[in-house]
Amino acid sequence: MARFYFDSGDRDLTFEDEIGVECAGLAEVRRAGFEGLIDLTRESLKSVDGQQLFVEVRDENGDKIMRLSLLLRVKLLK
């Protein structure tokens, strides 16, 4: 299994993963990244409107291989 690093953040801050997680393949990397984004959303939401969160995945060589992101926006219809 290869080791992948899951950096996370919002518009203002980026937290670099220095430990990483071993994953069997890209499907497992995607699943771990998605779970990380859900956790980040629960922990980091300051306000709903305009909040942008992301998890960016690096491989063992430090190459960015995947980015999962979430944008929350409120739109009044009246």
N, C-alpha and C. Protein backbone atom coordinates (compact mmCIF):
# COMPACT_ATOMS: atom_id res chain seq x y z
N MET A 1 0.84 -1.18 0.00
CA MET A 1 0.00 0.00 0.00
C MET A 1 0.88 1.24 0.00
N ALA A 2 0.37 2.26 -0.64
CA ALA A 2 1.09 3.54 -0.72
C ALA A 2 0.57 4.50 0.36
N ARG A 3 1.39 5.46 0.72
CA ARG A 3 1.01 6.47 1.71
C ARG A 3 0.58 7.74 0.97
N PHE A 4 -0.54 8.31 1.44
CA PHE A 4 -1.09 9.53 0.88
C PHE A 4 -1.25 10.55 2.00
N TYR A 5 -1.13 11.82 1.64
CA TYR A 5 -1.20 12.92 2.60
C TYR A 5 -2.40 13.80 2.26
N PHE A 6 -3.20 14.11 3.29
CA PHE A 6 -4.46 14.80 3.10
C PHE A 6 -4.37 16.19 3.73
N ASP A 7 -3.99 17.18 2.92
CA ASP A 7 -3.94 18.57 3.37
C ASP A 7 -5.36 19.12 3.35
N SER A 8 -5.67 20.03 4.26
CA SER A 8 -7.02 20.55 4.32
C SER A 8 -7.00 22.03 4.67
N GLY A 9 -8.12 22.69 4.38
CA GLY A 9 -8.20 24.10 4.73
C GLY A 9 -9.44 24.77 4.20
N ASP A 10 -9.38 26.11 4.31
CA ASP A 10 -10.45 26.96 3.80
C ASP A 10 -9.79 28.10 3.04
N ARG A 11 -10.52 29.17 2.83
CA ARG A 11 -9.97 30.29 2.06
C ARG A 11 -8.74 30.91 2.74
N ASP A 12 -8.68 30.83 4.06
CA ASP A 12 -7.64 31.55 4.81
C ASP A 12 -6.49 30.68 5.30
N LEU A 13 -6.74 29.42 5.58
CA LEU A 13 -5.73 28.56 6.20
C LEU A 13 -5.62 27.24 5.47
N THR A 14 -4.38 26.71 5.43
CA THR A 14 -4.14 25.37 4.93
C THR A 14 -3.35 24.60 5.97
N PHE A 15 -3.81 23.40 6.30
CA PHE A 15 -3.12 22.54 7.24
C PHE A 15 -2.50 21.39 6.46
N GLU A 16 -1.18 21.25 6.55
CA GLU A 16 -0.45 20.23 5.81
C GLU A 16 -0.37 18.95 6.65
N ASP A 17 -0.79 17.86 6.06
CA ASP A 17 -0.72 16.55 6.70
C ASP A 17 0.72 16.06 6.65
N GLU A 18 1.32 15.83 7.79
CA GLU A 18 2.71 15.36 7.85
C GLU A 18 2.82 13.87 8.13
N ILE A 19 1.68 13.23 8.49
CA ILE A 19 1.70 11.81 8.86
C ILE A 19 1.27 10.93 7.69
N GLY A 20 0.16 11.28 7.07
CA GLY A 20 -0.35 10.51 5.94
C GLY A 20 -1.12 9.27 6.37
N VAL A 21 -1.70 8.61 5.38
CA VAL A 21 -2.50 7.40 5.58
C VAL A 21 -2.17 6.44 4.46
N GLU A 22 -2.03 5.16 4.79
CA GLU A 22 -1.81 4.16 3.76
C GLU A 22 -3.15 3.76 3.15
N CYS A 23 -3.21 3.78 1.81
CA CYS A 23 -4.42 3.42 1.09
C CYS A 23 -4.07 2.43 -0.02
N ALA A 24 -5.02 1.54 -0.31
CA ALA A 24 -4.79 0.49 -1.30
C ALA A 24 -4.92 0.99 -2.74
N GLY A 25 -5.63 2.08 -2.97
CA GLY A 25 -5.81 2.58 -4.32
C GLY A 25 -6.58 3.89 -4.32
N LEU A 26 -6.85 4.40 -5.52
CA LEU A 26 -7.50 5.71 -5.63
C LEU A 26 -8.92 5.72 -5.08
N ALA A 27 -9.62 4.60 -5.17
CA ALA A 27 -10.98 4.56 -4.60
C ALA A 27 -10.93 4.75 -3.09
N GLU A 28 -9.95 4.14 -2.44
CA GLU A 28 -9.80 4.30 -1.00
C GLU A 28 -9.32 5.70 -0.66
N VAL A 29 -8.46 6.28 -1.49
CA VAL A 29 -8.00 7.66 -1.30
C VAL A 29 -9.18 8.61 -1.39
N ARG A 30 -10.02 8.42 -2.39
CA ARG A 30 -11.20 9.27 -2.57
C ARG A 30 -12.13 9.18 -1.37
N ARG A 31 -12.37 7.96 -0.91
CA ARG A 31 -13.24 7.74 0.25
C ARG A 31 -12.67 8.42 1.50
N ALA A 32 -11.37 8.27 1.74
CA ALA A 32 -10.73 8.91 2.89
C ALA A 32 -10.77 10.43 2.77
N GLY A 33 -10.56 10.95 1.58
CA GLY A 33 -10.62 12.39 1.35
C GLY A 33 -12.01 12.93 1.59
N PHE A 34 -13.02 12.19 1.13
CA PHE A 34 -14.41 12.61 1.32
C PHE A 34 -14.78 12.62 2.80
N GLU A 35 -14.36 11.58 3.53
CA GLU A 35 -14.62 11.53 4.97
C GLU A 35 -13.92 12.69 5.68
N GLY A 36 -12.71 13.01 5.24
CA GLY A 36 -11.99 14.15 5.81
C GLY A 36 -12.70 15.46 5.56
N LEU A 37 -13.26 15.62 4.36
CA LEU A 37 -13.99 16.83 4.03
C LEU A 37 -15.25 16.96 4.88
N ILE A 38 -15.93 15.85 5.12
CA ILE A 38 -17.11 15.87 5.99
C ILE A 38 -16.72 16.29 7.40
N ASP A 39 -15.64 15.71 7.93
CA ASP A 39 -15.17 16.08 9.28
C ASP A 39 -14.78 17.55 9.33
N LEU A 40 -14.07 18.01 8.32
CA LEU A 40 -13.65 19.41 8.26
C LEU A 40 -14.86 20.34 8.24
N THR A 41 -15.89 19.95 7.51
CA THR A 41 -17.11 20.75 7.44
C THR A 41 -17.75 20.87 8.81
N ARG A 42 -17.82 19.77 9.52
CA ARG A 42 -18.43 19.79 10.87
C ARG A 42 -17.63 20.67 11.82
N GLU A 43 -16.31 20.63 11.71
CA GLU A 43 -15.44 21.34 12.66
C GLU A 43 -15.22 22.81 12.31
N SER A 44 -15.28 23.16 11.04
CA SER A 44 -14.75 24.44 10.61
C SER A 44 -15.75 25.48 10.14
N LEU A 45 -17.01 25.11 9.98
CA LEU A 45 -17.95 26.08 9.45
C LEU A 45 -18.09 27.28 10.38
N LYS A 46 -17.70 28.43 9.86
CA LYS A 46 -17.82 29.68 10.61
C LYS A 46 -19.12 30.37 10.24
N SER A 47 -19.43 30.35 8.97
CA SER A 47 -20.69 30.88 8.47
C SER A 47 -21.03 30.07 7.23
N VAL A 48 -22.29 29.97 6.94
CA VAL A 48 -22.70 29.16 5.80
C VAL A 48 -22.41 29.86 4.49
N ASP A 49 -22.76 31.11 4.36
CA ASP A 49 -22.68 31.80 3.08
C ASP A 49 -21.24 32.04 2.66
N GLY A 50 -20.87 31.47 1.54
CA GLY A 50 -19.56 31.71 0.95
C GLY A 50 -18.43 30.88 1.51
N GLN A 51 -18.71 29.99 2.45
CA GLN A 51 -17.64 29.18 3.04
C GLN A 51 -17.10 28.19 2.02
N GLN A 52 -15.78 28.11 1.89
CA GLN A 52 -15.13 27.19 0.97
C GLN A 52 -14.16 26.33 1.75
N LEU A 53 -14.30 25.01 1.65
CA LEU A 53 -13.42 24.07 2.33
C LEU A 53 -12.86 23.10 1.32
N PHE A 54 -11.67 22.55 1.61
CA PHE A 54 -11.09 21.59 0.68
C PHE A 54 -10.22 20.57 1.41
N VAL A 55 -10.04 19.43 0.76
CA VAL A 55 -9.04 18.44 1.11
C VAL A 55 -8.27 18.17 -0.17
N GLU A 56 -6.96 18.31 -0.11
CA GLU A 56 -6.11 18.08 -1.27
C GLU A 56 -5.17 16.93 -0.93
N VAL A 57 -5.06 15.96 -1.83
CA VAL A 57 -4.31 14.74 -1.57
C VAL A 57 -2.99 14.75 -2.33
N ARG A 58 -1.91 14.43 -1.60
CA ARG A 58 -0.58 14.27 -2.20
C ARG A 58 -0.15 12.81 -2.09
N ASP A 59 0.61 12.35 -3.08
CA ASP A 59 1.15 11.00 -3.01
C ASP A 59 2.50 11.01 -2.28
N GLU A 60 3.16 9.86 -2.24
CA GLU A 60 4.43 9.73 -1.52
C GLU A 60 5.53 10.63 -2.08
N ASN A 61 5.41 11.01 -3.34
CA ASN A 61 6.39 11.90 -3.98
C ASN A 61 6.09 13.37 -3.76
N GLY A 62 4.96 13.66 -3.11
CA GLY A 62 4.56 15.05 -2.89
C GLY A 62 3.74 15.63 -4.02
N ASP A 63 3.42 14.82 -5.04
CA ASP A 63 2.60 15.28 -6.16
C ASP A 63 1.13 15.33 -5.76
N LYS A 64 0.45 16.43 -6.09
CA LYS A 64 -0.98 16.55 -5.82
C LYS A 64 -1.73 15.68 -6.82
N ILE A 65 -2.59 14.80 -6.28
CA ILE A 65 -3.30 13.88 -7.17
C ILE A 65 -4.82 14.04 -7.15
N MET A 66 -5.35 14.71 -6.11
CA MET A 66 -6.80 14.83 -6.01
C MET A 66 -7.15 16.03 -5.14
N ARG A 67 -8.26 16.68 -5.47
CA ARG A 67 -8.77 17.78 -4.65
C ARG A 67 -10.27 17.60 -4.51
N LEU A 68 -10.74 17.58 -3.27
CA LEU A 68 -12.16 17.53 -2.97
C LEU A 68 -12.49 18.87 -2.34
N SER A 69 -13.55 19.50 -2.79
CA SER A 69 -13.88 20.82 -2.25
C SER A 69 -15.38 20.97 -2.07
N LEU A 70 -15.71 21.93 -1.22
CA LEU A 70 -17.10 22.19 -0.89
C LEU A 70 -17.29 23.70 -0.81
N LEU A 71 -18.31 24.20 -1.49
CA LEU A 71 -18.67 25.60 -1.43
C LEU A 71 -20.11 25.70 -0.96
N LEU A 72 -20.32 26.40 0.15
CA LEU A 72 -21.67 26.59 0.67
C LEU A 72 -22.11 28.01 0.40
N ARG A 73 -23.25 28.15 -0.23
CA ARG A 73 -23.73 29.47 -0.60
C ARG A 73 -25.23 29.56 -0.29
N VAL A 74 -25.65 30.68 0.25
CA VAL A 74 -27.06 30.94 0.52
C VAL A 74 -27.56 31.94 -0.51
N LYS A 75 -28.71 31.63 -1.12
CA LYS A 75 -29.29 32.52 -2.13
C LYS A 75 -30.75 32.76 -1.76
N LEU A 76 -31.09 34.03 -1.52
CA LEU A 76 -32.48 34.38 -1.24
C LEU A 76 -33.24 34.42 -2.55
N LEU A 77 -34.40 33.82 -2.56
CA LEU A 77 -35.18 33.76 -3.80
C LEU A 77 -36.25 34.83 -3.86
N LYS A 78 -36.47 35.56 -2.82
CA LYS A 78 -37.45 36.65 -2.84
C LYS A 78 -36.80 37.91 -2.37
